[in-house]
């Protein structure tokens, strides 16, 4: 199927149609356990097309006309069967999911209609147990094993199979010294499944440069990411619970970090040999580290006033990211390796300070100050945001039939 999209309007054409059904049943009649069974099914079709000629014919000497349209058909089936103890201190279960997604792309500059099919299957077994280590200590353990497999094929001759076994879990312990003071420690391992850059592979035919095609084919798949974390924290309050505070420190390692990269053909465009192309895909960096501190304090002396404050400190690092860039002077494509750089969207500090006040039965006021340090926007370039601070203030009049709010943001 093809779709005609009017040029020179910069209007996107979208359509979505979803049909879904879900069933959940609970059984509590057994003497030793409770049971929950959940099943869901959905089918979604989407159409998305847009006019991508940023400088169309007639408005600029380098103008061109181009439309791009994507049609997707997605079917998903999922089940979850869980058994829990009557005391809710033990749960075990099975989880399964199957997703099939078909993509058709109609692009003006492609040699023909592109079609692909991506099938993904998940099957997992999981369990969690909580028990008392002493009169004041509670211990919790959990484990999840998941098999993730799939198959990708398209009419450009690309075919990929992937099959990953992943596991995650946690062990945590909390000790309640009194009603007002608690400490805890938690060791955990989590994962994010890998997959195929199906949409990017659908655009291999857009590329005129053999090196670009080889690069995109090299990153046709990406591996699962694993995060291992240890954290320790405290929670405390005064006897009247008008003052509460919490703090924790953490250290986490990330293996096979999944990062968003972009392939562009700036050099070809500069030499007037190609249309501009921006293709996003996911790749893996070998390892990264995150560690830091989080604190929060709340003071609520009465029902008319509440003050909160918090501070977070974060250090991050990522290594061995290969990134292509175009030299602005020679217009040559080069590969650089990013080493010892902060991760994207990871400001080294964040803070907040705010208060809510009930002035009268009819008038409430609030004010807050938030801020964060500069941070990298992406792994695909070295542009940074600026450090920022934001002040919000408002006064609310509460009427019998209508509320009026006056706000200020700067």
Protein backbone atom coordinates (compact mmCIF):
# COMPACT_ATOMS: atom_id res chain seq x y z
CA UNK A 1 0.00 0.00 0.00
CA UNK A 2 1.22 3.51 -0.76
CA UNK A 3 0.10 6.83 0.60
CA UNK A 4 0.15 10.23 -1.07
CA UNK A 5 1.33 13.01 1.20
CA UNK A 6 1.04 16.64 0.04
CA UNK A 7 4.40 18.37 -0.13
CA UNK A 8 5.15 21.96 0.92
CA UNK A 9 2.74 21.70 3.84
CA UNK A 10 5.05 20.09 6.41
CA UNK A 11 2.03 18.23 7.77
CA UNK A 12 2.40 14.72 9.14
CA UNK A 13 -0.24 12.12 8.38
CA UNK A 14 -0.98 9.71 11.23
CA UNK A 15 -3.55 7.02 11.95
CA UNK A 16 -3.79 4.40 14.66
CA UNK A 17 -6.24 1.57 15.28
CA UNK A 18 -5.95 -0.71 18.33
CA UNK A 19 -8.07 -3.62 19.50
CA UNK A 20 -7.20 -5.25 22.82
CA UNK A 21 -8.67 -7.61 25.39
CA UNK A 22 -7.48 -8.65 28.83
CA UNK A 23 -8.63 -11.13 31.47
CA UNK A 24 -7.45 -11.44 35.10
CA UNK A 25 -8.65 -14.11 37.51
CA UNK A 26 -7.92 -14.56 41.23
CA UNK A 27 -8.36 -17.79 43.18
CA UNK A 28 -8.13 -17.74 46.98
CA UNK A 29 -9.94 -20.99 47.79
CA UNK A 30 -6.86 -23.15 48.40
CA UNK A 31 -5.60 -23.56 51.96
CA UNK A 32 -1.90 -23.00 51.22
CA UNK A 33 -1.75 -20.44 48.40
CA UNK A 34 -3.48 -17.80 46.30
CA UNK A 35 -3.38 -17.79 42.51
CA UNK A 36 -3.54 -15.05 39.88
CA UNK A 37 -3.79 -15.65 36.13
CA UNK A 38 -3.63 -12.75 33.66
CA UNK A 39 -3.90 -12.87 29.88
CA UNK A 40 -3.99 -10.06 27.35
CA UNK A 41 -4.02 -9.72 23.58
CA UNK A 42 -3.77 -6.66 21.37
CA UNK A 43 -3.59 -5.82 17.69
CA UNK A 44 -2.48 -2.39 16.48
CA UNK A 45 -2.12 -0.87 13.02
CA UNK A 46 -0.45 2.50 12.55
CA UNK A 47 0.24 4.76 9.60
CA UNK A 48 2.76 7.57 9.85
CA UNK A 49 3.95 9.70 6.98
CA UNK A 50 5.54 13.10 6.65
CA UNK A 51 6.88 15.62 4.19
CA UNK A 52 10.66 15.71 4.76
CA UNK A 53 11.73 18.31 2.19
CA UNK A 54 13.10 20.91 4.56
CA UNK A 55 13.86 23.20 1.58
CA UNK A 56 11.47 22.13 -1.17
CA UNK A 57 11.73 22.87 -4.87
CA UNK A 58 11.12 26.49 -5.69
CA UNK A 59 12.01 28.04 -2.35
CA UNK A 60 15.76 27.35 -2.38
CA UNK A 61 18.36 26.45 -5.04
CA UNK A 62 19.14 23.21 -3.17
CA UNK A 63 15.48 22.37 -2.72
CA UNK A 64 14.08 18.89 -3.24
CA UNK A 65 10.79 17.04 -2.81
CA UNK A 66 10.49 14.00 -0.59
CA UNK A 67 7.88 12.08 1.39
CA UNK A 68 8.35 9.16 3.76
CA UNK A 69 5.61 6.86 5.07
CA UNK A 70 5.62 3.95 7.52
CA UNK A 71 2.87 1.35 8.00
CA UNK A 72 3.01 -1.03 10.96
CA UNK A 73 0.95 -4.04 11.95
CA UNK A 74 1.65 -5.28 15.48
CA UNK A 75 0.16 -8.26 17.33
CA UNK A 76 0.97 -9.01 20.98
CA UNK A 77 0.00 -11.85 23.34
CA UNK A 78 0.96 -11.97 27.01
CA UNK A 79 0.29 -14.12 30.08
CA UNK A 80 1.32 -14.08 33.73
CA UNK A 81 0.62 -16.91 36.19
CA UNK A 82 1.57 -16.31 39.82
CA UNK A 83 1.20 -18.28 43.07
CA UNK A 84 1.59 -16.56 46.43
CA UNK A 85 1.48 -17.71 50.03
CA UNK A 86 -1.39 -16.80 52.31
CA UNK A 87 0.99 -14.57 54.29
CA UNK A 88 2.15 -12.82 51.07
CA UNK A 89 5.78 -13.51 51.98
CA UNK A 90 6.41 -15.82 48.98
CA UNK A 91 5.52 -15.51 45.31
CA UNK A 92 6.54 -17.58 42.27
CA UNK A 93 5.35 -17.21 38.72
CA UNK A 94 5.64 -17.70 34.99
CA UNK A 95 5.55 -14.92 32.42
CA UNK A 96 5.35 -15.13 28.64
CA UNK A 97 4.98 -12.69 25.79
CA UNK A 98 5.03 -12.90 22.00
CA UNK A 99 5.19 -9.86 19.71
CA UNK A 100 5.07 -9.85 15.91
CA UNK A 101 5.51 -6.55 14.07
CA UNK A 102 5.36 -6.05 10.32
CA UNK A 103 6.68 -2.84 8.77
CA UNK A 104 6.11 -1.42 5.29
CA UNK A 105 7.99 1.70 4.25
CA UNK A 106 7.25 3.82 1.19
CA UNK A 107 10.02 6.37 0.60
CA UNK A 108 10.42 8.53 -2.49
CA UNK A 109 14.16 7.97 -2.86
CA UNK A 110 14.13 4.23 -2.10
CA UNK A 111 14.47 1.72 -4.92
CA UNK A 112 11.12 0.20 -3.96
CA UNK A 113 8.74 -0.61 -1.13
CA UNK A 114 10.58 -1.93 1.93
CA UNK A 115 8.99 -4.69 4.02
CA UNK A 116 10.19 -6.37 7.22
CA UNK A 117 8.92 -8.66 9.96
CA UNK A 118 10.27 -8.81 13.50
CA UNK A 119 9.15 -11.52 15.93
CA UNK A 120 10.15 -11.45 19.61
CA UNK A 121 9.37 -14.01 22.33
CA UNK A 122 9.94 -13.71 26.07
CA UNK A 123 9.57 -16.46 28.65
CA UNK A 124 10.47 -15.94 32.30
CA UNK A 125 10.26 -17.68 35.65
CA UNK A 126 10.48 -15.55 38.79
CA UNK A 127 10.17 -15.70 42.54
CA UNK A 128 10.54 -13.60 45.69
CA UNK A 129 10.75 -14.55 49.37
CA UNK A 130 10.60 -12.31 52.44
CA UNK A 131 11.44 -13.50 55.93
CA UNK A 132 12.51 -12.16 59.30
CA UNK A 133 16.19 -12.37 60.20
CA UNK A 134 15.51 -11.21 63.77
CA UNK A 135 12.94 -9.23 65.72
CA UNK A 136 14.06 -6.03 64.00
CA UNK A 137 15.47 -7.27 60.69
CA UNK A 138 13.60 -8.22 57.51
CA UNK A 139 15.35 -9.91 54.58
CA UNK A 140 14.06 -10.14 51.02
CA UNK A 141 15.43 -12.16 48.12
CA UNK A 142 14.26 -12.35 44.52
CA UNK A 143 15.33 -14.00 41.28
CA UNK A 144 14.16 -13.81 37.67
CA UNK A 145 15.41 -15.90 34.74
CA UNK A 146 14.31 -14.88 31.26
CA UNK A 147 14.84 -16.32 27.80
CA UNK A 148 14.58 -13.72 25.05
CA UNK A 149 14.58 -14.83 21.43
CA UNK A 150 13.50 -13.46 18.11
CA UNK A 151 13.82 -13.40 14.36
CA UNK A 152 14.08 -10.51 11.93
CA UNK A 153 13.76 -10.71 8.14
CA UNK A 154 13.20 -8.15 5.38
CA UNK A 155 12.88 -8.03 1.60
CA UNK A 156 16.35 -6.48 1.29
CA UNK A 157 17.88 -9.86 2.06
CA UNK A 158 18.67 -9.19 5.73
CA UNK A 159 17.91 -11.90 8.29
CA UNK A 160 18.92 -12.06 11.95
CA UNK A 161 18.19 -14.47 14.78
CA UNK A 162 18.92 -13.68 18.42
CA UNK A 163 18.63 -15.81 21.53
CA UNK A 164 19.65 -14.46 24.94
CA UNK A 165 19.40 -15.94 28.42
CA UNK A 166 19.26 -13.23 31.08
CA UNK A 167 18.91 -13.23 34.83
CA UNK A 168 18.40 -10.66 37.51
CA UNK A 169 17.62 -10.55 41.18
CA UNK A 170 18.16 -8.86 44.50
CA UNK A 171 19.05 -9.44 48.14
CA UNK A 172 18.08 -6.76 50.62
CA UNK A 173 18.01 -6.37 54.36
CA UNK A 174 16.44 -3.68 56.52
CA UNK A 175 16.91 -3.20 60.26
CA UNK A 176 14.35 -1.18 62.22
CA UNK A 177 16.14 0.03 65.35
CA UNK A 178 13.06 1.92 66.54
CA UNK A 179 9.84 3.36 65.20
CA UNK A 180 11.87 6.38 64.08
CA UNK A 181 15.06 4.93 62.63
CA UNK A 182 15.69 2.33 59.91
CA UNK A 183 18.71 1.33 57.85
CA UNK A 184 18.86 -0.88 54.78
CA UNK A 185 21.24 -2.38 52.24
CA UNK A 186 20.33 -3.79 48.84
CA UNK A 187 22.34 -5.64 46.19
CA UNK A 188 20.60 -6.07 42.85
CA UNK A 189 21.13 -7.06 39.24
CA UNK A 190 18.85 -5.95 36.43
CA UNK A 191 18.81 -6.30 32.67
CA UNK A 192 17.43 -4.76 29.51
CA UNK A 193 16.89 -7.07 26.56
CA UNK A 194 18.69 -6.64 23.24
CA UNK A 195 17.20 -6.78 19.78
CA UNK A 196 17.40 -5.70 16.14
CA UNK A 197 17.59 -2.16 14.76
CA UNK A 198 14.76 -2.98 12.38
CA UNK A 199 13.79 0.57 11.47
CA UNK A 200 17.42 1.50 10.78
CA UNK A 201 17.89 -1.57 8.59
CA UNK A 202 14.87 -0.43 6.66
CA UNK A 203 16.83 2.63 5.62
CA UNK A 204 20.01 0.92 4.40
CA UNK A 205 18.79 1.45 0.86
CA UNK A 206 18.80 5.23 1.43
CA UNK A 207 22.59 5.24 1.73
CA UNK A 208 24.79 5.77 -1.30
CA UNK A 209 28.10 5.30 0.51
CA UNK A 210 29.33 1.70 0.84
CA UNK A 211 31.06 2.55 4.13
CA UNK A 212 27.82 3.91 5.59
CA UNK A 213 25.95 0.79 4.55
CA UNK A 214 28.65 -1.38 6.11
CA UNK A 215 28.52 0.63 9.34
CA UNK A 216 24.76 0.32 9.63
CA UNK A 217 24.89 -3.40 8.86
CA UNK A 218 27.56 -3.78 11.57
CA UNK A 219 25.09 -2.40 14.14
CA UNK A 220 22.09 -4.33 12.89
CA UNK A 221 21.65 -5.91 16.34
CA UNK A 222 22.42 -4.83 19.90
CA UNK A 223 23.11 -6.93 22.99
CA UNK A 224 21.32 -6.97 26.37
CA UNK A 225 22.47 -4.44 28.95
CA UNK A 226 23.17 -5.52 32.54
CA UNK A 227 23.17 -3.25 35.60
CA UNK A 228 24.61 -4.35 38.95
CA UNK A 229 23.95 -2.07 41.89
CA UNK A 230 24.62 -1.82 45.61
CA UNK A 231 23.01 0.82 47.79
CA UNK A 232 22.80 1.63 51.48
CA UNK A 233 20.45 4.06 53.14
CA UNK A 234 18.78 5.38 56.27
CA UNK A 235 15.30 6.70 57.07
CA UNK A 236 14.61 8.67 60.22
CA UNK A 237 11.96 10.83 61.85
CA UNK A 238 11.33 12.62 65.13
CA UNK A 239 8.88 11.31 67.71
CA UNK A 240 5.97 13.35 66.36
CA UNK A 241 6.81 12.55 62.70
CA UNK A 242 6.83 16.26 61.91
CA UNK A 243 10.38 15.91 60.59
CA UNK A 244 11.35 13.03 58.30
CA UNK A 245 14.59 12.46 56.41
CA UNK A 246 16.18 9.86 54.16
CA UNK A 247 19.56 9.41 52.53
CA UNK A 248 21.23 6.72 50.46
CA UNK A 249 24.47 6.11 48.63
CA UNK A 250 24.79 3.82 45.62
CA UNK A 251 27.35 2.37 43.23
CA UNK A 252 26.31 0.76 39.94
CA UNK A 253 28.10 -0.74 36.97
CA UNK A 254 26.53 -1.01 33.50
CA UNK A 255 27.75 -3.67 31.06
CA UNK A 256 27.00 -3.44 27.34
CA UNK A 257 25.36 -0.03 27.75
CA UNK A 258 22.67 0.52 25.12
CA UNK A 259 23.18 3.95 23.58
CA UNK A 260 21.43 5.82 20.79
CA UNK A 261 23.68 6.69 17.86
CA UNK A 262 23.06 8.54 14.60
CA UNK A 263 24.40 7.93 11.13
CA UNK A 264 24.47 10.97 8.85
CA UNK A 265 25.84 11.66 5.39
CA UNK A 266 26.96 15.24 5.86
CA UNK A 267 30.04 14.84 3.68
CA UNK A 268 28.00 13.52 0.75
CA UNK A 269 25.50 16.35 1.13
CA UNK A 270 28.30 18.94 1.18
CA UNK A 271 29.60 17.51 -2.08
CA UNK A 272 26.08 17.67 -3.55
CA UNK A 273 26.05 13.93 -4.11
CA UNK A 274 23.18 12.87 -1.84
CA UNK A 275 20.07 13.94 0.01
CA UNK A 276 20.48 14.61 3.76
CA UNK A 277 19.95 11.49 5.87
CA UNK A 278 19.71 10.98 9.63
CA UNK A 279 19.35 7.37 10.75
CA UNK A 280 19.10 6.45 14.43
CA UNK A 281 20.14 3.08 15.81
CA UNK A 282 21.10 1.47 19.13
CA UNK A 283 24.60 0.17 19.78
CA UNK A 284 26.51 -1.05 22.85
CA UNK A 285 29.33 0.54 24.80
CA UNK A 286 31.41 -1.93 26.85
CA UNK A 287 30.95 -0.50 30.33
CA UNK A 288 29.92 2.47 32.43
CA UNK A 289 29.86 3.42 36.11
CA UNK A 290 27.32 5.42 38.13
CA UNK A 291 27.65 6.35 41.80
CA UNK A 292 26.28 9.04 44.03
CA UNK A 293 24.19 10.26 46.95
CA UNK A 294 20.51 11.16 47.36
CA UNK A 295 18.95 13.02 50.31
CA UNK A 296 15.44 14.23 51.14
CA UNK A 297 14.03 16.14 54.13
CA UNK A 298 10.42 17.06 54.93
CA UNK A 299 9.27 19.33 57.79
CA UNK A 300 5.55 19.51 58.53
CA UNK A 301 5.04 21.16 61.93
CA UNK A 302 1.27 21.57 61.46
CA UNK A 303 -1.48 21.16 58.88
CA UNK A 304 -0.86 24.69 57.56
CA UNK A 305 2.78 24.39 56.50
CA UNK A 306 5.00 21.86 54.74
CA UNK A 307 8.63 22.37 53.70
CA UNK A 308 10.69 19.92 51.60
CA UNK A 309 14.30 19.90 50.48
CA UNK A 310 16.58 17.50 48.65
CA UNK A 311 20.03 17.17 47.14
CA UNK A 312 21.39 14.56 44.72
CA UNK A 313 25.01 14.11 43.67
CA UNK A 314 25.95 11.88 40.74
CA UNK A 315 29.17 10.81 39.07
CA UNK A 316 29.07 8.83 35.82
CA UNK A 317 31.57 7.53 33.30
CA UNK A 318 31.44 5.73 29.98
CA UNK A 319 34.29 4.37 27.84
CA UNK A 320 35.04 3.04 24.37
CA UNK A 321 32.24 4.57 22.34
CA UNK A 322 33.04 4.66 18.62
CA UNK A 323 31.47 7.67 16.95
CA UNK A 324 31.65 8.90 13.38
CA UNK A 325 31.83 12.62 12.71
CA UNK A 326 32.45 14.85 9.72
CA UNK A 327 35.43 17.22 9.88
CA UNK A 328 33.97 20.72 9.33
CA UNK A 329 37.07 21.86 7.42
CA UNK A 330 37.91 18.90 5.18
CA UNK A 331 34.45 17.28 5.17
CA UNK A 332 36.08 13.91 5.73
CA UNK A 333 34.27 11.25 7.75
CA UNK A 334 36.37 10.16 10.75
CA UNK A 335 35.96 7.79 13.68
CA UNK A 336 36.75 8.98 17.20
CA UNK A 337 36.71 6.98 20.43
CA UNK A 338 35.04 8.55 23.47
CA UNK A 339 36.89 7.79 26.71
CA UNK A 340 36.23 8.78 30.33
CA UNK A 341 33.22 10.94 29.49
CA UNK A 342 30.11 11.58 31.56
CA UNK A 343 27.01 9.76 30.45
CA UNK A 344 24.18 11.57 28.67
CA UNK A 345 21.43 13.23 30.74
CA UNK A 346 23.40 12.77 33.96
CA UNK A 347 23.84 16.15 35.75
CA UNK A 348 26.38 15.98 38.56
CA UNK A 349 23.97 17.65 41.01
CA UNK A 350 20.27 18.32 41.38
CA UNK A 351 18.46 20.09 44.21
CA UNK A 352 15.02 21.24 45.24
CA UNK A 353 13.60 23.42 48.02
CA UNK A 354 9.93 24.13 48.38
CA UNK A 355 7.12 25.04 50.71
CA UNK A 356 3.32 24.88 50.83
CA UNK A 357 1.39 27.21 53.11
CA UNK A 358 -2.26 27.42 54.07
CA UNK A 359 -2.67 31.18 54.69
CA UNK A 360 -6.41 31.08 55.37
CA UNK A 361 -9.24 28.67 54.77
CA UNK A 362 -9.55 30.22 51.31
CA UNK A 363 -5.96 30.99 50.32
CA UNK A 364 -3.03 28.61 49.75
CA UNK A 365 0.47 29.57 48.58
CA UNK A 366 3.45 27.57 47.36
CA UNK A 367 6.99 28.36 46.27
CA UNK A 368 9.79 26.11 45.01
CA UNK A 369 13.35 26.35 43.75
CA UNK A 370 14.83 23.54 41.64
CA UNK A 371 18.13 23.30 39.85
CA UNK A 372 20.53 20.99 38.08
CA UNK A 373 24.04 21.03 36.68
CA UNK A 374 24.92 21.02 32.99
CA UNK A 375 24.80 17.65 31.20
CA UNK A 376 25.49 16.07 27.83
CA UNK A 377 22.44 15.78 25.61
CA UNK A 378 23.54 12.64 23.79
CA UNK A 379 26.31 10.12 23.17
CA UNK A 380 26.30 11.03 19.48
CA UNK A 381 27.79 14.51 20.06
CA UNK A 382 29.43 16.62 22.78
CA UNK A 383 26.87 19.42 23.11
CA UNK A 384 25.89 20.29 26.68
CA UNK A 385 22.97 22.01 28.32
CA UNK A 386 23.55 24.95 30.62
CA UNK A 387 23.22 24.68 34.39
CA UNK A 388 19.71 25.81 35.27
CA UNK A 389 17.63 27.03 38.18
CA UNK A 390 13.86 27.36 38.13
CA UNK A 391 11.62 29.24 40.57
CA UNK A 392 7.89 28.51 40.75
CA UNK A 393 5.41 30.39 42.93
CA UNK A 394 1.64 30.35 43.06
CA UNK A 395 -1.28 31.63 45.11
CA UNK A 396 -4.59 29.79 45.00
CA UNK A 397 -7.95 31.22 46.03
CA UNK A 398 -10.44 28.45 46.86
CA UNK A 399 -14.00 29.49 46.21
CA UNK A 400 -17.28 27.71 46.69
CA UNK A 401 -17.71 27.00 42.99
CA UNK A 402 -14.42 28.10 41.45
CA UNK A 403 -10.70 28.15 42.25
CA UNK A 404 -8.40 30.90 40.97
CA UNK A 405 -4.64 30.39 40.65
CA UNK A 406 -2.00 33.08 40.15
CA UNK A 407 1.35 31.63 39.12
CA UNK A 408 4.91 32.80 38.48
CA UNK A 409 7.74 30.87 36.84
CA UNK A 410 11.23 32.17 36.24
